[in-house]
Amino acid sequence: MDLNNVLEETIAVGREVGAFIRKERQVFDLRRVEIKGLNDMVSYVDKVAEQMIVDRLMKLLPEAGYITEEGTNTTKGEVYNWIIDPLDGTTNFIHDLPFYCVSIGLQKNEEIVLGVVYDVTRSECFYAIKDGGAYCNETPLRVSGAPALSSSLIATGFPYDSLGQTDAFGEVLKSLTENSHGFRRLGSAALDLCYVASGRVDGYFQHNLKPYDVAAGIIIVQEAGGKVSDFIGGNNFIFGGEMVATNNVIHEELLQEVKPLTGSAN
């Protein structure tokens, strides 16, 4: 399989679906929002966008399976599986806060080998394939050169579905406030990872994640020279529900900061 060709086609899918989402935002009706759980919402836009992605990718790679947020297709592939979030940052989209994206990752066996993240409102397309580097709109990406946590800006996501961890999370944020340039909660894990890859933030951590939140962003960070791990520095970050991603240099420092959250993904 020619990954470069698959990447080119996947980028086209991301841009096409992004254009659909952008158009729908102009006429979006809040009454068409469904509640999946506490602070967990889905709209008809998520569902239609996912179907569009799956329909296109089925033609591109017929043998692949799917892990999708809205459950449009749950076929399991023997080697390849697409991991798709049609609209990462749904709450931002619903409130017209311009930080949401299309996220498409391709997993080969146990490894992510391709990732495309399309920022709908900024028309920025982040993408990478294994051993091919990471890019945004054809410009090469590189993680930041921040030498220490004390000179770093950190992105995170608040755990809306694990309120029992609120105290531990608050402890981490307090420490980061005192020991870094601060933290930002932007509302899209996929874009947070792309911002690590582009050096806009120096690190990112979150727990209670789903694979479709992070699959595409993982390889974009890695190919930009960054490091990704779970909270104990291991490799259980696709399906393990927790992640730390950094410019590599500050990784161990950030791992120490998130220790109070270790094991909270379960």
C-alpha atoms as a PDB file:
ATOM      1  CA  MET A   1       0.000   0.000   0.000  1.00  0.00           C
ATOM      2  CA  ASP A   2       1.245   3.482  -0.921  1.00  0.00           C
ATOM      3  CA  LEU A   3       0.772   5.478   2.279  1.00  0.00           C
ATOM      4  CA  ASN A   4       1.519   8.731   0.476  1.00  0.00           C
ATOM      5  CA  ASN A   5      -1.400   8.168  -1.857  1.00  0.00           C
ATOM      6  CA  VAL A   6      -3.669   7.181   1.032  1.00  0.00           C
ATOM      7  CA  LEU A   7      -2.583  10.322   2.879  1.00  0.00           C
ATOM      8  CA  GLU A   8      -3.368  12.544  -0.099  1.00  0.00           C
ATOM      9  CA  GLU A   9      -6.848  11.072  -0.388  1.00  0.00           C
ATOM     10  CA  THR A  10      -7.437  11.279   3.374  1.00  0.00           C
ATOM     11  CA  ILE A  11      -6.486  14.958   3.366  1.00  0.00           C
ATOM     12  CA  ALA A  12      -9.047  15.513   0.616  1.00  0.00           C
ATOM     13  CA  VAL A  13     -11.675  13.747   2.753  1.00  0.00           C
ATOM     14  CA  GLY A  14     -10.803  15.893   5.767  1.00  0.00           C
ATOM     15  CA  ARG A  15     -11.083  19.104   3.765  1.00  0.00           C
ATOM     16  CA  GLU A  16     -14.361  18.059   2.162  1.00  0.00           C
ATOM     17  CA  VAL A  17     -15.968  17.141   5.482  1.00  0.00           C
ATOM     18  CA  GLY A  18     -14.542  20.280   7.052  1.00  0.00           C
ATOM     19  CA  ALA A  19     -16.260  22.369   4.377  1.00  0.00           C
ATOM     20  CA  PHE A  20     -19.554  20.619   5.171  1.00  0.00           C
ATOM     21  CA  ILE A  21     -19.151  21.333   8.898  1.00  0.00           C
ATOM     22  CA  ARG A  22     -18.276  24.974   8.209  1.00  0.00           C
ATOM     23  CA  LYS A  23     -21.387  25.397   6.070  1.00  0.00           C
ATOM     24  CA  GLU A  24     -23.641  23.728   8.629  1.00  0.00           C
ATOM     25  CA  ARG A  25     -22.318  25.956  11.420  1.00  0.00           C
ATOM     26  CA  GLN A  26     -23.770  28.966   9.564  1.00  0.00           C
ATOM     27  CA  VAL A  27     -27.304  27.573   9.850  1.00  0.00           C
ATOM     28  CA  PHE A  28     -26.895  25.418  12.952  1.00  0.00           C
ATOM     29  CA  ASP A  29     -29.992  24.857  15.088  1.00  0.00           C
ATOM     30  CA  LEU A  30     -29.250  24.264  18.780  1.00  0.00           C
ATOM     31  CA  ARG A  31     -32.509  22.324  19.112  1.00  0.00           C
ATOM     32  CA  ARG A  32     -30.998  19.503  17.083  1.00  0.00           C
ATOM     33  CA  VAL A  33     -28.427  18.648  19.739  1.00  0.00           C
ATOM     34  CA  GLU A  34     -28.634  15.300  21.543  1.00  0.00           C
ATOM     35  CA  ILE A  35     -27.261  14.665  25.033  1.00  0.00           C
ATOM     36  CA  LYS A  36     -25.136  11.505  25.340  1.00  0.00           C
ATOM     37  CA  GLY A  37     -23.992  12.126  28.903  1.00  0.00           C
ATOM     38  CA  LEU A  38     -22.908  14.845  31.299  1.00  0.00           C
ATOM     39  CA  ASN A  39     -21.482  17.644  29.136  1.00  0.00           C
ATOM     40  CA  ASP A  40     -21.283  15.117  26.284  1.00  0.00           C
ATOM     41  CA  MET A  41     -23.283  16.217  23.275  1.00  0.00           C
ATOM     42  CA  VAL A  42     -23.721  15.164  19.669  1.00  0.00           C
ATOM     43  CA  SER A  43     -25.389  16.895  16.747  1.00  0.00           C
ATOM     44  CA  TYR A  44     -26.699  15.789  13.385  1.00  0.00           C
ATOM     45  CA  VAL A  45     -23.550  17.381  11.978  1.00  0.00           C
ATOM     46  CA  ASP A  46     -21.340  14.832  13.816  1.00  0.00           C
ATOM     47  CA  LYS A  47     -23.385  11.953  12.465  1.00  0.00           C
ATOM     48  CA  VAL A  48     -23.590  13.121   8.852  1.00  0.00           C
ATOM     49  CA  ALA A  49     -19.901  14.049   8.827  1.00  0.00           C
ATOM     50  CA  GLU A  50     -18.940  10.598  10.110  1.00  0.00           C
ATOM     51  CA  GLN A  51     -21.023   8.882   7.453  1.00  0.00           C
ATOM     52  CA  MET A  52     -19.365  11.018   4.779  1.00  0.00           C
ATOM     53  CA  ILE A  53     -15.908  10.020   6.033  1.00  0.00           C
ATOM     54  CA  VAL A  54     -16.711   6.317   6.248  1.00  0.00           C
ATOM     55  CA  ASP A  55     -18.286   6.268   2.767  1.00  0.00           C
ATOM     56  CA  ARG A  56     -15.164   7.829   1.244  1.00  0.00           C
ATOM     57  CA  LEU A  57     -12.667   5.712   3.177  1.00  0.00           C
ATOM     58  CA  MET A  58     -14.444   2.459   2.327  1.00  0.00           C
ATOM     59  CA  LYS A  59     -13.646   3.132  -1.331  1.00  0.00           C
ATOM     60  CA  LEU A  60     -10.071   4.118  -0.525  1.00  0.00           C
ATOM     61  CA  LEU A  61      -9.162   1.101   1.625  1.00  0.00           C
ATOM     62  CA  PRO A  62     -11.882  -1.580   1.379  1.00  0.00           C
ATOM     63  CA  GLU A  63     -10.097  -4.043   3.662  1.00  0.00           C
ATOM     64  CA  ALA A  64      -9.873  -1.662   6.625  1.00  0.00           C
ATOM     65  CA  GLY A  65     -12.065  -1.674   9.710  1.00  0.00           C
ATOM     66  CA  TYR A  66     -13.356   1.266  11.742  1.00  0.00           C
ATOM     67  CA  ILE A  67     -13.372   2.701  15.240  1.00  0.00           C
ATOM     68  CA  THR A  68     -15.791   5.610  15.107  1.00  0.00           C
ATOM     69  CA  GLU A  69     -17.152   7.946  17.754  1.00  0.00           C
ATOM     70  CA  GLU A  70     -20.760   7.771  16.561  1.00  0.00           C
ATOM     71  CA  GLY A  71     -20.711   4.066  15.670  1.00  0.00           C
ATOM     72  CA  THR A  72     -21.412   4.516  11.955  1.00  0.00           C
ATOM     73  CA  ASN A  73     -19.269   1.478  11.146  1.00  0.00           C
ATOM     74  CA  THR A  74     -17.854  -0.972  13.677  1.00  0.00           C
ATOM     75  CA  THR A  75     -16.246  -3.479  11.304  1.00  0.00           C
ATOM     76  CA  LYS A  76     -12.934  -4.814  12.623  1.00  0.00           C
ATOM     77  CA  GLY A  77     -10.061  -4.984  10.151  1.00  0.00           C
ATOM     78  CA  GLU A  78      -7.405  -7.695  10.398  1.00  0.00           C
ATOM     79  CA  VAL A  79      -4.511  -5.301   9.743  1.00  0.00           C
ATOM     80  CA  TYR A  80      -5.816  -1.788   9.138  1.00  0.00           C
ATOM     81  CA  ASN A  81      -8.384   0.173  11.117  1.00  0.00           C
ATOM     82  CA  TRP A  82      -9.489   3.767  10.641  1.00  0.00           C
ATOM     83  CA  ILE A  83     -10.008   5.660  13.922  1.00  0.00           C
ATOM     84  CA  ILE A  84     -12.344   8.579  13.306  1.00  0.00           C
ATOM     85  CA  ASP A  85     -13.702  11.580  15.166  1.00  0.00           C
ATOM     86  CA  PRO A  86     -15.832  13.485  12.638  1.00  0.00           C
ATOM     87  CA  LEU A  87     -16.095  16.568  14.856  1.00  0.00           C
ATOM     88  CA  ASP A  88     -13.656  16.780  17.741  1.00  0.00           C
ATOM     89  CA  GLY A  89     -14.700  19.723  19.874  1.00  0.00           C
ATOM     90  CA  THR A  90     -18.461  19.332  19.455  1.00  0.00           C
ATOM     91  CA  THR A  91     -19.219  21.573  22.437  1.00  0.00           C
ATOM     92  CA  ASN A  92     -17.102  24.331  20.894  1.00  0.00           C
ATOM     93  CA  PHE A  93     -18.926  23.848  17.583  1.00  0.00           C
ATOM     94  CA  ILE A  94     -22.333  24.040  19.250  1.00  0.00           C
ATOM     95  CA  HIS A  95     -21.408  27.323  20.940  1.00  0.00           C
ATOM     96  CA  ASP A  96     -19.655  28.679  17.832  1.00  0.00           C
ATOM     97  CA  LEU A  97     -16.311  28.765  19.616  1.00  0.00           C
ATOM     98  CA  PRO A  98     -13.751  28.403  16.797  1.00  0.00           C
ATOM     99  CA  PHE A  99     -11.712  25.394  17.939  1.00  0.00           C
ATOM    100  CA  TYR A 100     -12.981  22.134  16.447  1.00  0.00           C
ATOM    101  CA  CYS A 101     -11.775  19.756  13.808  1.00  0.00           C
ATOM    102  CA  VAL A 102     -12.048  16.579  11.755  1.00  0.00           C
ATOM    103  CA  SER A 103      -9.695  13.834  12.980  1.00  0.00           C
ATOM    104  CA  ILE A 104      -8.811  10.707  10.963  1.00  0.00           C
ATOM    105  CA  GLY A 105      -6.140   8.212  11.997  1.00  0.00           C
ATOM    106  CA  LEU A 106      -5.095   4.931  10.411  1.00  0.00           C
ATOM    107  CA  GLN A 107      -3.862   2.103  12.601  1.00  0.00           C
ATOM    108  CA  LYS A 108      -1.778  -0.771  11.181  1.00  0.00           C
ATOM    109  CA  ASN A 109      -1.800  -3.659  13.633  1.00  0.00           C
ATOM    110  CA  GLU A 110      -0.964  -1.899  16.931  1.00  0.00           C
ATOM    111  CA  GLU A 111       0.596   1.265  15.498  1.00  0.00           C
ATOM    112  CA  ILE A 112      -0.804   4.541  14.134  1.00  0.00           C
ATOM    113  CA  VAL A 113       0.772   5.059  10.695  1.00  0.00           C
ATOM    114  CA  LEU A 114      -1.228   7.994   9.313  1.00  0.00           C
ATOM    115  CA  GLY A 115      -3.003  10.987  10.796  1.00  0.00           C
ATOM    116  CA  VAL A 116      -4.982  13.903   9.390  1.00  0.00           C
ATOM    117  CA  VAL A 117      -6.495  16.662  11.521  1.00  0.00           C
ATOM    118  CA  TYR A 118      -8.371  19.451   9.753  1.00  0.00           C
ATOM    119  CA  ASP A 119      -9.078  22.615  11.752  1.00  0.00           C
ATOM    120  CA  VAL A 120     -12.419  23.722  10.339  1.00  0.00           C
ATOM    121  CA  THR A 121     -12.364  27.403  11.302  1.00  0.00           C
ATOM    122  CA  ARG A 122      -8.699  28.123  10.517  1.00  0.00           C
ATOM    123  CA  SER A 123      -8.476  25.879   7.420  1.00  0.00           C
ATOM    124  CA  GLU A 124      -5.289  24.366   8.805  1.00  0.00           C
ATOM    125  CA  CYS A 125      -4.663  20.772   7.804  1.00  0.00           C
ATOM    126  CA  PHE A 126      -2.183  18.911  10.011  1.00  0.00           C
ATOM    127  CA  TYR A 127      -0.972  15.559   8.703  1.00  0.00           C
ATOM    128  CA  ALA A 128       1.715  12.909   8.976  1.00  0.00           C
ATOM    129  CA  ILE A 129       2.616   9.386   7.917  1.00  0.00           C
ATOM    130  CA  LYS A 130       5.118   7.102   9.601  1.00  0.00           C
ATOM    131  CA  ASP A 131       8.706   8.132   8.803  1.00  0.00           C
ATOM    132  CA  GLY A 132       7.422  10.906   6.550  1.00  0.00           C
ATOM    133  CA  GLY A 133       7.514  13.950   8.813  1.00  0.00           C
ATOM    134  CA  ALA A 134       4.639  16.108  10.006  1.00  0.00           C
ATOM    135  CA  TYR A 135       3.139  19.084   8.189  1.00  0.00           C
ATOM    136  CA  CYS A 136       0.539  21.817   8.341  1.00  0.00           C
ATOM    137  CA  ASN A 137      -0.645  22.969   4.914  1.00  0.00           C
ATOM    138  CA  GLU A 138       2.661  21.721   3.413  1.00  0.00           C
ATOM    139  CA  THR A 139       4.808  23.521   6.012  1.00  0.00           C
ATOM    140  CA  PRO A 140       6.988  21.131   8.051  1.00  0.00           C
ATOM    141  CA  LEU A 141       6.192  20.950  11.762  1.00  0.00           C
ATOM    142  CA  ARG A 142       8.619  20.782  14.639  1.00  0.00           C
ATOM    143  CA  VAL A 143       7.943  20.666  18.361  1.00  0.00           C
ATOM    144  CA  SER A 144       9.130  23.547  20.524  1.00  0.00           C
ATOM    145  CA  GLY A 145      12.570  23.941  21.970  1.00  0.00           C
ATOM    146  CA  ALA A 146      11.355  24.753  25.487  1.00  0.00           C
ATOM    147  CA  PRO A 147      14.164  23.486  27.751  1.00  0.00           C
ATOM    148  CA  ALA A 148      12.158  22.954  30.928  1.00  0.00           C
ATOM    149  CA  LEU A 149       8.648  22.838  32.342  1.00  0.00           C
ATOM    150  CA  SER A 150       9.257  26.231  33.938  1.00  0.00           C
ATOM    151  CA  SER A 151       9.353  27.818  30.468  1.00  0.00           C
ATOM    152  CA  SER A 152       6.504  25.741  28.992  1.00  0.00           C
ATOM    153  CA  LEU A 153       2.841  26.279  28.197  1.00  0.00           C
ATOM    154  CA  ILE A 154       0.718  23.175  28.768  1.00  0.00           C
ATOM    155  CA  ALA A 155      -2.607  22.178  27.219  1.00  0.00           C
ATOM    156  CA  THR A 156      -5.117  19.908  28.914  1.00  0.00           C
ATOM    157  CA  GLY A 157      -8.744  18.842  28.939  1.00  0.00           C
ATOM    158  CA  PHE A 158     -11.074  18.841  31.920  1.00  0.00           C
ATOM    159  CA  PRO A 159     -12.527  15.419  32.816  1.00  0.00           C
ATOM    160  CA  TYR A 160     -16.267  15.981  32.390  1.00  0.00           C
ATOM    161  CA  ASP A 161     -17.158  12.312  32.904  1.00  0.00           C
ATOM    162  CA  SER A 162     -14.962  11.490  35.909  1.00  0.00           C
ATOM    163  CA  LEU A 163     -15.904  14.021  38.533  1.00  0.00           C
ATOM    164  CA  GLY A 164     -14.463  11.790  41.247  1.00  0.00           C
ATOM    165  CA  GLN A 165     -11.024  12.897  40.073  1.00  0.00           C
ATOM    166  CA  THR A 166     -11.766  16.616  40.449  1.00  0.00           C
ATOM    167  CA  ASP A 167      -9.554  17.061  43.534  1.00  0.00           C
ATOM    168  CA  ALA A 168      -6.585  15.278  41.973  1.00  0.00           C
ATOM    169  CA  PHE A 169      -6.989  17.247  38.766  1.00  0.00           C
ATOM    170  CA  GLY A 170      -7.117  20.490  40.740  1.00  0.00           C
ATOM    171  CA  GLU A 171      -3.899  19.509  42.495  1.00  0.00           C
ATOM    172  CA  VAL A 172      -2.172  19.032  39.142  1.00  0.00           C
ATOM    173  CA  LEU A 173      -3.418  22.351  37.779  1.00  0.00           C
ATOM    174  CA  LYS A 174      -2.304  24.192  40.917  1.00  0.00           C
ATOM    175  CA  SER A 175       1.185  22.781  40.580  1.00  0.00           C
ATOM    176  CA  LEU A 176       1.362  23.619  36.878  1.00  0.00           C
ATOM    177  CA  THR A 177       0.260  27.179  37.608  1.00  0.00           C
ATOM    178  CA  GLU A 178       3.176  27.508  39.994  1.00  0.00           C
ATOM    179  CA  ASN A 179       5.783  25.639  37.937  1.00  0.00           C
ATOM    180  CA  SER A 180       5.129  26.519  34.289  1.00  0.00           C
ATOM    181  CA  HIS A 181       3.918  29.333  32.082  1.00  0.00           C
ATOM    182  CA  GLY A 182       0.424  28.019  32.801  1.00  0.00           C
ATOM    183  CA  PHE A 183      -2.131  25.801  31.138  1.00  0.00           C
ATOM    184  CA  ARG A 184      -4.834  26.137  28.490  1.00  0.00           C
ATOM    185  CA  ARG A 185      -8.078  24.196  28.119  1.00  0.00           C
ATOM    186  CA  LEU A 186      -9.005  24.599  24.461  1.00  0.00           C
ATOM    187  CA  GLY A 187     -11.605  21.867  24.012  1.00  0.00           C
ATOM    188  CA  SER A 188     -10.253  19.563  21.293  1.00  0.00           C
ATOM    189  CA  ALA A 189      -7.725  16.838  22.112  1.00  0.00           C
ATOM    190  CA  ALA A 190      -6.874  16.339  18.443  1.00  0.00           C
ATOM    191  CA  LEU A 191      -5.973  19.996  17.992  1.00  0.00           C
ATOM    192  CA  ASP A 192      -4.151  20.091  21.338  1.00  0.00           C
ATOM    193  CA  LEU A 193      -1.824  17.394  19.990  1.00  0.00           C
ATOM    194  CA  CYS A 194      -1.336  19.289  16.736  1.00  0.00           C
ATOM    195  CA  TYR A 195      -0.427  22.357  18.754  1.00  0.00           C
ATOM    196  CA  VAL A 196       2.238  20.331  20.559  1.00  0.00           C
ATOM    197  CA  ALA A 197       3.541  19.217  17.156  1.00  0.00           C
ATOM    198  CA  SER A 198       3.661  22.792  15.874  1.00  0.00           C
ATOM    199  CA  GLY A 199       5.307  24.197  19.006  1.00  0.00           C
ATOM    200  CA  ARG A 200       2.348  26.389  19.945  1.00  0.00           C
ATOM    201  CA  VAL A 201       2.206  24.571  23.260  1.00  0.00           C
ATOM    202  CA  ASP A 202       5.035  22.570  24.767  1.00  0.00           C
ATOM    203  CA  GLY A 203       3.097  19.750  26.365  1.00  0.00           C
ATOM    204  CA  TYR A 204      -0.341  18.213  26.760  1.00  0.00           C
ATOM    205  CA  PHE A 205      -1.955  15.783  29.170  1.00  0.00           C
ATOM    206  CA  GLN A 206      -5.452  14.405  29.668  1.00  0.00           C
ATOM    207  CA  HIS A 207      -7.227  11.382  31.063  1.00  0.00           C
ATOM    208  CA  ASN A 208     -10.539   9.718  30.191  1.00  0.00           C
ATOM    209  CA  LEU A 209      -9.681   9.939  26.518  1.00  0.00           C
ATOM    210  CA  LYS A 210     -11.064   7.795  23.701  1.00  0.00           C
ATOM    211  CA  PRO A 211      -8.945   6.447  20.841  1.00  0.00           C
ATOM    212  CA  TYR A 212     -10.732   8.612  18.278  1.00  0.00           C
ATOM    213  CA  ASP A 213      -9.807  11.716  20.314  1.00  0.00           C
ATOM    214  CA  VAL A 214      -6.091  11.124  19.873  1.00  0.00           C
ATOM    215  CA  ALA A 215      -5.260   8.612  17.132  1.00  0.00           C
ATOM    216  CA  ALA A 216      -4.459  11.086  14.369  1.00  0.00           C
ATOM    217  CA  GLY A 217      -2.653  13.494  16.665  1.00  0.00           C
ATOM    218  CA  ILE A 218      -0.332  10.808  18.031  1.00  0.00           C
ATOM    219  CA  ILE A 219       1.618  10.315  14.828  1.00  0.00           C
ATOM    220  CA  ILE A 220       1.622  14.039  14.067  1.00  0.00           C
ATOM    221  CA  VAL A 221       3.369  14.690  17.394  1.00  0.00           C
ATOM    222  CA  GLN A 222       5.776  11.791  16.918  1.00  0.00           C
ATOM    223  CA  GLU A 223       6.720  12.791  13.379  1.00  0.00           C
ATOM    224  CA  ALA A 224       7.287  16.390  14.546  1.00  0.00           C
ATOM    225  CA  GLY A 225       9.906  15.137  17.001  1.00  0.00           C
ATOM    226  CA  GLY A 226       7.724  14.922  20.087  1.00  0.00           C
ATOM    227  CA  LYS A 227       7.085  12.149  22.561  1.00  0.00           C
ATOM    228  CA  VAL A 228       3.805  10.459  23.520  1.00  0.00           C
ATOM    229  CA  SER A 229       3.208   8.132  26.465  1.00  0.00           C
ATOM    230  CA  ASP A 230       0.665   7.136  29.056  1.00  0.00           C
ATOM    231  CA  PHE A 231       0.869   8.621  32.561  1.00  0.00           C
ATOM    232  CA  ILE A 232       3.606   6.209  33.677  1.00  0.00           C
ATOM    233  CA  GLY A 233       5.734   6.665  30.583  1.00  0.00           C
ATOM    234  CA  GLY A 234       4.494   3.511  28.851  1.00  0.00           C
ATOM    235  CA  ASN A 235       2.914   2.813  25.477  1.00  0.00           C
ATOM    236  CA  ASN A 236      -0.715   2.312  26.489  1.00  0.00           C
ATOM    237  CA  PHE A 237      -1.852   5.642  25.074  1.00  0.00           C
ATOM    238  CA  ILE A 238      -4.149   4.750  22.163  1.00  0.00           C
ATOM    239  CA  PHE A 239      -6.719   2.748  24.121  1.00  0.00           C
ATOM    240  CA  GLY A 240      -5.519   3.336  27.683  1.00  0.00           C
ATOM    241  CA  GLY A 241      -7.524   6.509  28.203  1.00  0.00           C
ATOM    242  CA  GLU A 242      -4.625   8.709  29.341  1.00  0.00           C
ATOM    243  CA  MET A 243      -1.881  10.574  27.553  1.00  0.00           C
ATOM    244  CA  VAL A 244       1.081  12.876  27.960  1.00  0.00           C
ATOM    245  CA  ALA A 245       2.519  14.448  24.794  1.00  0.00           C
ATOM    246  CA  THR A 246       5.457  16.845  24.828  1.00  0.00           C
ATOM    247  CA  ASN A 247       8.383  18.291  22.925  1.00  0.00           C
ATOM    248  CA  ASN A 248      10.331  15.341  24.400  1.00  0.00           C
ATOM    249  CA  VAL A 249      12.600  17.571  26.498  1.00  0.00           C
ATOM    250  CA  ILE A 250      10.037  18.248  29.242  1.00  0.00           C
ATOM    251  CA  HIS A 251       8.420  14.822  29.165  1.00  0.00           C
ATOM    252  CA  GLU A 252       9.762  13.448  32.414  1.00  0.00           C
ATOM    253  CA  GLU A 253       8.939  16.679  34.254  1.00  0.00           C
ATOM    254  CA  LEU A 254       5.346  16.618  33.024  1.00  0.00           C
ATOM    255  CA  LEU A 255       5.012  12.947  33.971  1.00  0.00           C
ATOM    256  CA  GLN A 256       5.942  13.900  37.518  1.00  0.00           C
ATOM    257  CA  GLU A 257       3.249  16.588  37.502  1.00  0.00           C
ATOM    258  CA  VAL A 258       0.457  14.199  36.458  1.00  0.00           C
ATOM    259  CA  LYS A 259       1.301  11.528  39.054  1.00  0.00           C
ATOM    260  CA  PRO A 260      -1.820  12.353  41.135  1.00  0.00           C
ATOM    261  CA  LEU A 261      -3.913  11.233  38.138  1.00  0.00           C
ATOM    262  CA  THR A 262      -2.140   7.921  37.543  1.00  0.00           C
ATOM    263  CA  GLY A 263      -4.691   5.167  36.953  1.00  0.00           C
ATOM    264  CA  SER A 264      -7.632   7.607  36.775  1.00  0.00           C
ATOM    265  CA  ALA A 265      -8.562   6.557  33.252  1.00  0.00           C
ATOM    266  CA  ASN A 266     -10.202   3.470  34.722  1.00  0.00           C
END
